């Protein structure tokens, strides 16, 4: 049988004997260093009750630690979910970007085929011009033979005919070089237009992709913020319930615990607005750099100098132009 005895302390060093059937008791000495003073009321309990109270206190502390572990687990799972969502979104965005680039490449290939077709047509036109020039050469050769055969009796007439022929050949030469310049300029303009159009398509696609990324990030921020706030609310409710249970424990069980026990678990971070930082250059505006000069040189119509017919007579005005010799030398 355990006896309880409550007594008013008259002196902080006064002995408190146990009354009743208890034959043995321990000497109790109260000291100001232990927080006692004259006039305090004390309760003396048995060792079994003290051990029971100490065990209850440890159980409460273990429950609090388990609750903290659950909260930490929730926070870790939220971070993993966010990372998985971010990776999935980036994968979809890259797939879309690859699809767009494939379409752009297809458009560019079609334009390249169109340029090749135009190049073929221009080459055909150039072949026709070559045939015409070859015909002129034949005429010049015939005229040269006639001039050589009839030069002495028809010197004056021959000089006039040669002069006219020189003018005509010079006109053909100029036309030949104009055709060359026009073909090369048309090719260069077509390449530049294709590059500019491709850059515009890529930049427009990047702008759309950035907008989708920003919308997805904003939506994710809102969802995560709402979820965190809900978790914070649940945690606060659980903490309030535990605090209420602790406050309702009888006075004697709190002998070695503070009466105003107040468990607090910080949840302010869960109530904050979630912000997801994404790199500003995740989708950069890039330009398609094309070496126009290199392409131009690869597909350039060769200079038609080999088709040029020399008409400059450096000898005497009376000497005829040896067209056949000049043509073979060039």
Foldseek 3Di string as FASTA:
>chain_A
DWAKDKDAAQAQQDFDDTDDPDPDDDTDHGDVVVVDDHGDIDMDTDPVVVVVLVVVVVVLVVVVVVLVVVVVVVVVVLVVVVVVVVVVLVVVLVVVLVVLVVVLVVVLVVLVVVLVVVLVVLVVVVVVLLVVLVVLLVVVQVLVVVCVVCCPVCLPVSLVVLVVSLVVLVVSVVVQVVSQVVSLVVSLVSVVVSQVVSLVSLVVSLVVSVVVVVVVQVVVQVVQLVVLVVVLVVSVVVQVVSQVVLLPDDPVSCPVPDNNDHDDDDSVVSNDRDHDDDDPVPPPRDGDDDPSVVVSVVSRDDDPPLSRFDSDDPDDSSDDDPRVVRNVVD
